[in-house]
Amino acid sequence: MKDLIVLVAVSVAIGFALGGLKASAPPAAAPEPAAPPLPRPGVYLVAEKSGPDTAEPGDWILSACGPRCLRARAAAGTWQMDLSWNPTADRHRGAWVGERIDPGTRCWAGAPDEYQRGPVPLKYVIRADLTGFVNMKFSRENPSCRGETEMRGRQFTLQRAKSLWS
């Protein structure tokens, strides 16, 4: 009986030791969100949500550029950008992320016929629900038309345009 008690005590001790080792292991990483299905290809209306004085950026044409890649281009054909799915973007909810350089908007600089223009880096984040934002980085050399020289962001939504039949 004494041997049986010792054997049970040793088994329990080993079980606690192994269980304790498992419990003290680092936590498993949270699974990364899978890339959602790409939106249906076609024309999407872009509406800015930042305020009443924001400029309308125009319609975009969305299509796939790979299994986890979303291609956006201006319907006017002035720019194109590929956005790749990043599971850690937008506070780890996942989003399509892309960057492009805007050649700049021609701005009146004060004197008659005096204009300035310069490249502005733009970083886009588009969520699976087709809402998102763009961050614009202005500088002293390339201020916004309002004279801003720091980062500025704009919120937007994408909505599929209705088909027109002729």
C-alpha atoms as a PDB file:
ATOM      1  CA  MET A   1       0.000   0.000   0.000  1.00  0.00           C
ATOM      2  CA  LYS A   2       2.880   2.276   0.854  1.00  0.00           C
ATOM      3  CA  ASP A   3       4.415   1.685  -2.572  1.00  0.00           C
ATOM      4  CA  LEU A   4       1.094   2.463  -4.233  1.00  0.00           C
ATOM      5  CA  ILE A   5       0.834   5.816  -2.415  1.00  0.00           C
ATOM      6  CA  VAL A   6       4.402   6.711  -3.447  1.00  0.00           C
ATOM      7  CA  LEU A   7       3.661   5.731  -7.062  1.00  0.00           C
ATOM      8  CA  VAL A   8       0.471   7.851  -7.147  1.00  0.00           C
ATOM      9  CA  ALA A   9       2.306  10.804  -5.554  1.00  0.00           C
ATOM     10  CA  VAL A  10       5.103  10.601  -8.126  1.00  0.00           C
ATOM     11  CA  SER A  11       2.575  10.395 -10.997  1.00  0.00           C
ATOM     12  CA  VAL A  12       0.672  13.393  -9.689  1.00  0.00           C
ATOM     13  CA  ALA A  13       3.928  15.356  -9.246  1.00  0.00           C
ATOM     14  CA  ILE A  14       4.999  14.556 -12.809  1.00  0.00           C
ATOM     15  CA  GLY A  15       1.542  15.536 -14.088  1.00  0.00           C
ATOM     16  CA  PHE A  16       1.679  18.887 -12.265  1.00  0.00           C
ATOM     17  CA  ALA A  17       5.200  19.522 -13.527  1.00  0.00           C
ATOM     18  CA  LEU A  18       4.262  18.861 -17.133  1.00  0.00           C
ATOM     19  CA  GLY A  19       1.018  20.797 -16.791  1.00  0.00           C
ATOM     20  CA  GLY A  20       2.903  23.696 -15.258  1.00  0.00           C
ATOM     21  CA  LEU A  21       5.367  23.664 -18.140  1.00  0.00           C
ATOM     22  CA  LYS A  22       2.545  23.880 -20.642  1.00  0.00           C
ATOM     23  CA  ALA A  23       0.903  26.703 -18.720  1.00  0.00           C
ATOM     24  CA  SER A  24       4.132  28.689 -18.492  1.00  0.00           C
ATOM     25  CA  ALA A  25       4.827  28.473 -22.209  1.00  0.00           C
ATOM     26  CA  PRO A  26       4.431  31.709 -24.173  1.00  0.00           C
ATOM     27  CA  PRO A  27       0.890  32.257 -25.451  1.00  0.00           C
ATOM     28  CA  ALA A  28       0.189  31.142 -28.965  1.00  0.00           C
ATOM     29  CA  ALA A  29       0.064  33.940 -31.510  1.00  0.00           C
ATOM     30  CA  ALA A  30      -3.417  35.039 -32.505  1.00  0.00           C
ATOM     31  CA  PRO A  31      -4.327  33.741 -35.937  1.00  0.00           C
ATOM     32  CA  GLU A  32      -3.950  36.324 -38.669  1.00  0.00           C
ATOM     33  CA  PRO A  33      -7.199  37.340 -40.325  1.00  0.00           C
ATOM     34  CA  ALA A  34      -7.505  35.733 -43.718  1.00  0.00           C
ATOM     35  CA  ALA A  35      -7.776  37.971 -46.747  1.00  0.00           C
ATOM     36  CA  PRO A  36     -11.439  38.523 -47.548  1.00  0.00           C
ATOM     37  CA  PRO A  37     -12.781  37.890 -51.024  1.00  0.00           C
ATOM     38  CA  LEU A  38     -11.831  40.646 -53.425  1.00  0.00           C
ATOM     39  CA  PRO A  39     -14.652  43.053 -54.301  1.00  0.00           C
ATOM     40  CA  ARG A  40     -16.382  42.486 -57.611  1.00  0.00           C
ATOM     41  CA  PRO A  41     -14.438  44.126 -60.434  1.00  0.00           C
ATOM     42  CA  GLY A  42     -15.931  47.314 -61.813  1.00  0.00           C
ATOM     43  CA  VAL A  43     -16.458  51.018 -61.216  1.00  0.00           C
ATOM     44  CA  TYR A  44     -16.869  52.249 -57.639  1.00  0.00           C
ATOM     45  CA  LEU A  45     -18.064  55.664 -56.530  1.00  0.00           C
ATOM     46  CA  VAL A  46     -15.727  57.267 -53.993  1.00  0.00           C
ATOM     47  CA  ALA A  47     -17.311  59.457 -51.331  1.00  0.00           C
ATOM     48  CA  GLU A  48     -15.179  61.307 -48.802  1.00  0.00           C
ATOM     49  CA  LYS A  49     -16.405  61.420 -45.219  1.00  0.00           C
ATOM     50  CA  SER A  50     -13.938  63.990 -43.840  1.00  0.00           C
ATOM     51  CA  GLY A  51     -16.026  67.126 -44.098  1.00  0.00           C
ATOM     52  CA  PRO A  52     -18.053  69.405 -46.331  1.00  0.00           C
ATOM     53  CA  ASP A  53     -15.053  71.112 -47.957  1.00  0.00           C
ATOM     54  CA  THR A  54     -13.195  68.010 -49.159  1.00  0.00           C
ATOM     55  CA  ALA A  55     -12.654  67.490 -52.845  1.00  0.00           C
ATOM     56  CA  GLU A  56     -14.268  64.544 -54.589  1.00  0.00           C
ATOM     57  CA  PRO A  57     -11.430  62.174 -55.605  1.00  0.00           C
ATOM     58  CA  GLY A  58     -13.345  60.717 -58.553  1.00  0.00           C
ATOM     59  CA  ASP A  59     -14.511  57.233 -59.436  1.00  0.00           C
ATOM     60  CA  TRP A  60     -12.204  54.244 -59.151  1.00  0.00           C
ATOM     61  CA  ILE A  61     -12.054  50.999 -61.105  1.00  0.00           C
ATOM     62  CA  LEU A  62     -11.273  48.015 -58.855  1.00  0.00           C
ATOM     63  CA  SER A  63      -9.948  44.681 -60.089  1.00  0.00           C
ATOM     64  CA  ALA A  64      -7.744  41.849 -58.870  1.00  0.00           C
ATOM     65  CA  CYS A  65      -3.978  41.855 -59.364  1.00  0.00           C
ATOM     66  CA  GLY A  66      -3.486  38.518 -57.586  1.00  0.00           C
ATOM     67  CA  PRO A  67      -5.159  36.403 -54.875  1.00  0.00           C
ATOM     68  CA  ARG A  68      -4.391  38.922 -52.093  1.00  0.00           C
ATOM     69  CA  CYS A  69      -3.966  42.005 -54.268  1.00  0.00           C
ATOM     70  CA  LEU A  70      -6.464  44.711 -55.149  1.00  0.00           C
ATOM     71  CA  ARG A  71      -5.791  47.063 -58.073  1.00  0.00           C
ATOM     72  CA  ALA A  72      -7.350  50.516 -57.970  1.00  0.00           C
ATOM     73  CA  ARG A  73      -7.120  53.034 -60.769  1.00  0.00           C
ATOM     74  CA  ALA A  74      -8.768  56.325 -61.479  1.00  0.00           C
ATOM     75  CA  ALA A  75     -11.629  55.996 -63.942  1.00  0.00           C
ATOM     76  CA  ALA A  76     -10.063  58.960 -65.758  1.00  0.00           C
ATOM     77  CA  GLY A  77      -6.901  56.854 -66.201  1.00  0.00           C
ATOM     78  CA  THR A  78      -4.583  59.319 -64.451  1.00  0.00           C
ATOM     79  CA  TRP A  79      -3.155  56.881 -61.864  1.00  0.00           C
ATOM     80  CA  GLN A  80      -3.079  53.229 -60.857  1.00  0.00           C
ATOM     81  CA  MET A  81      -2.044  51.545 -57.627  1.00  0.00           C
ATOM     82  CA  ASP A  82      -1.815  47.959 -56.356  1.00  0.00           C
ATOM     83  CA  LEU A  83      -2.860  47.354 -52.739  1.00  0.00           C
ATOM     84  CA  SER A  84      -1.778  44.152 -51.022  1.00  0.00           C
ATOM     85  CA  TRP A  85      -3.649  42.523 -48.143  1.00  0.00           C
ATOM     86  CA  ASN A  86      -1.888  43.179 -44.828  1.00  0.00           C
ATOM     87  CA  PRO A  87      -3.399  41.221 -41.893  1.00  0.00           C
ATOM     88  CA  THR A  88      -1.764  43.529 -39.324  1.00  0.00           C
ATOM     89  CA  ALA A  89      -3.004  46.794 -40.864  1.00  0.00           C
ATOM     90  CA  ASP A  90      -5.781  48.919 -39.364  1.00  0.00           C
ATOM     91  CA  ARG A  91      -5.262  47.833 -35.754  1.00  0.00           C
ATOM     92  CA  HIS A  92      -4.790  44.152 -36.667  1.00  0.00           C
ATOM     93  CA  ARG A  93      -8.182  43.885 -38.401  1.00  0.00           C
ATOM     94  CA  GLY A  94      -6.507  43.598 -41.791  1.00  0.00           C
ATOM     95  CA  ALA A  95      -6.798  45.837 -44.845  1.00  0.00           C
ATOM     96  CA  TRP A  96      -5.506  46.356 -48.361  1.00  0.00           C
ATOM     97  CA  VAL A  97      -2.615  48.825 -48.222  1.00  0.00           C
ATOM     98  CA  GLY A  98      -0.936  50.704 -51.056  1.00  0.00           C
ATOM     99  CA  GLU A  99       1.062  53.818 -51.761  1.00  0.00           C
ATOM    100  CA  ARG A 100       1.430  56.145 -54.698  1.00  0.00           C
ATOM    101  CA  ILE A 101       2.948  59.537 -55.406  1.00  0.00           C
ATOM    102  CA  ASP A 102       0.569  62.276 -56.515  1.00  0.00           C
ATOM    103  CA  PRO A 103       2.442  64.671 -58.809  1.00  0.00           C
ATOM    104  CA  GLY A 104       0.732  67.471 -56.900  1.00  0.00           C
ATOM    105  CA  THR A 105      -2.048  69.931 -57.363  1.00  0.00           C
ATOM    106  CA  ARG A 106      -1.235  73.233 -59.000  1.00  0.00           C
ATOM    107  CA  CYS A 107      -1.688  75.871 -56.307  1.00  0.00           C
ATOM    108  CA  TRP A 108      -1.668  79.622 -56.511  1.00  0.00           C
ATOM    109  CA  ALA A 109       1.292  80.821 -54.409  1.00  0.00           C
ATOM    110  CA  GLY A 110       0.333  84.489 -53.970  1.00  0.00           C
ATOM    111  CA  ALA A 111       1.692  86.615 -56.781  1.00  0.00           C
ATOM    112  CA  PRO A 112      -0.086  86.841 -60.134  1.00  0.00           C
ATOM    113  CA  ASP A 113       0.800  83.887 -62.303  1.00  0.00           C
ATOM    114  CA  GLU A 114       2.875  82.353 -59.493  1.00  0.00           C
ATOM    115  CA  TYR A 115       2.000  78.712 -58.924  1.00  0.00           C
ATOM    116  CA  GLN A 116       3.714  75.874 -57.149  1.00  0.00           C
ATOM    117  CA  ARG A 117       3.356  72.166 -57.460  1.00  0.00           C
ATOM    118  CA  GLY A 118       5.168  69.208 -56.003  1.00  0.00           C
ATOM    119  CA  PRO A 119       4.898  65.467 -55.426  1.00  0.00           C
ATOM    120  CA  VAL A 120       2.843  64.335 -52.430  1.00  0.00           C
ATOM    121  CA  PRO A 121       3.172  60.772 -51.046  1.00  0.00           C
ATOM    122  CA  LEU A 122      -0.220  59.137 -50.432  1.00  0.00           C
ATOM    123  CA  LYS A 123      -0.796  55.981 -48.368  1.00  0.00           C
ATOM    124  CA  TYR A 124      -4.167  54.240 -48.819  1.00  0.00           C
ATOM    125  CA  VAL A 125      -5.829  51.747 -46.473  1.00  0.00           C
ATOM    126  CA  ILE A 126      -9.008  50.003 -47.686  1.00  0.00           C
ATOM    127  CA  ARG A 127     -10.897  47.727 -45.297  1.00  0.00           C
ATOM    128  CA  ALA A 128     -12.899  44.659 -46.313  1.00  0.00           C
ATOM    129  CA  ASP A 129     -16.156  46.654 -45.925  1.00  0.00           C
ATOM    130  CA  LEU A 130     -14.818  49.123 -48.553  1.00  0.00           C
ATOM    131  CA  THR A 131     -14.314  51.992 -46.138  1.00  0.00           C
ATOM    132  CA  GLY A 132     -10.878  53.423 -45.650  1.00  0.00           C
ATOM    133  CA  PHE A 133      -8.605  56.395 -45.448  1.00  0.00           C
ATOM    134  CA  VAL A 134      -5.696  58.060 -47.192  1.00  0.00           C
ATOM    135  CA  ASN A 135      -2.823  59.792 -45.421  1.00  0.00           C
ATOM    136  CA  MET A 136      -1.138  62.649 -47.280  1.00  0.00           C
ATOM    137  CA  LYS A 137       2.342  63.821 -46.278  1.00  0.00           C
ATOM    138  CA  PHE A 138       2.938  67.485 -47.074  1.00  0.00           C
ATOM    139  CA  SER A 139       6.255  69.294 -46.514  1.00  0.00           C
ATOM    140  CA  ARG A 140       7.661  72.816 -46.594  1.00  0.00           C
ATOM    141  CA  GLU A 141       8.825  72.204 -50.156  1.00  0.00           C
ATOM    142  CA  ASN A 142       5.443  70.759 -51.165  1.00  0.00           C
ATOM    143  CA  PRO A 143       2.673  72.213 -49.008  1.00  0.00           C
ATOM    144  CA  SER A 144      -0.989  71.579 -49.658  1.00  0.00           C
ATOM    145  CA  CYS A 145      -2.956  74.252 -51.470  1.00  0.00           C
ATOM    146  CA  ARG A 146      -4.050  75.447 -48.028  1.00  0.00           C
ATOM    147  CA  GLY A 147      -0.454  75.791 -46.845  1.00  0.00           C
ATOM    148  CA  GLU A 148      -0.446  72.689 -44.646  1.00  0.00           C
ATOM    149  CA  THR A 149       2.981  71.100 -44.203  1.00  0.00           C
ATOM    150  CA  GLU A 150       2.154  68.064 -42.030  1.00  0.00           C
ATOM    151  CA  MET A 151       0.392  64.744 -42.362  1.00  0.00           C
ATOM    152  CA  ARG A 152      -3.300  64.983 -43.177  1.00  0.00           C
ATOM    153  CA  GLY A 153      -5.802  62.182 -43.576  1.00  0.00           C
ATOM    154  CA  ARG A 154      -9.140  61.780 -45.301  1.00  0.00           C
ATOM    155  CA  GLN A 155     -11.784  59.118 -44.730  1.00  0.00           C
ATOM    156  CA  PHE A 156     -13.662  57.659 -47.692  1.00  0.00           C
ATOM    157  CA  THR A 157     -16.115  54.954 -48.713  1.00  0.00           C
ATOM    158  CA  LEU A 158     -16.346  52.978 -51.928  1.00  0.00           C
ATOM    159  CA  GLN A 159     -19.737  52.015 -53.316  1.00  0.00           C
ATOM    160  CA  ARG A 160     -20.286  49.980 -56.452  1.00  0.00           C
ATOM    161  CA  ALA A 161     -21.644  52.129 -59.257  1.00  0.00           C
ATOM    162  CA  LYS A 162     -24.940  51.141 -60.782  1.00  0.00           C
ATOM    163  CA  SER A 163     -24.727  49.632 -64.244  1.00  0.00           C
ATOM    164  CA  LEU A 164     -25.905  51.793 -67.098  1.00  0.00           C
ATOM    165  CA  TRP A 165     -27.428  50.059 -70.078  1.00  0.00           C
ATOM    166  CA  SER A 166     -27.539  51.782 -73.437  1.00  0.00           C
END
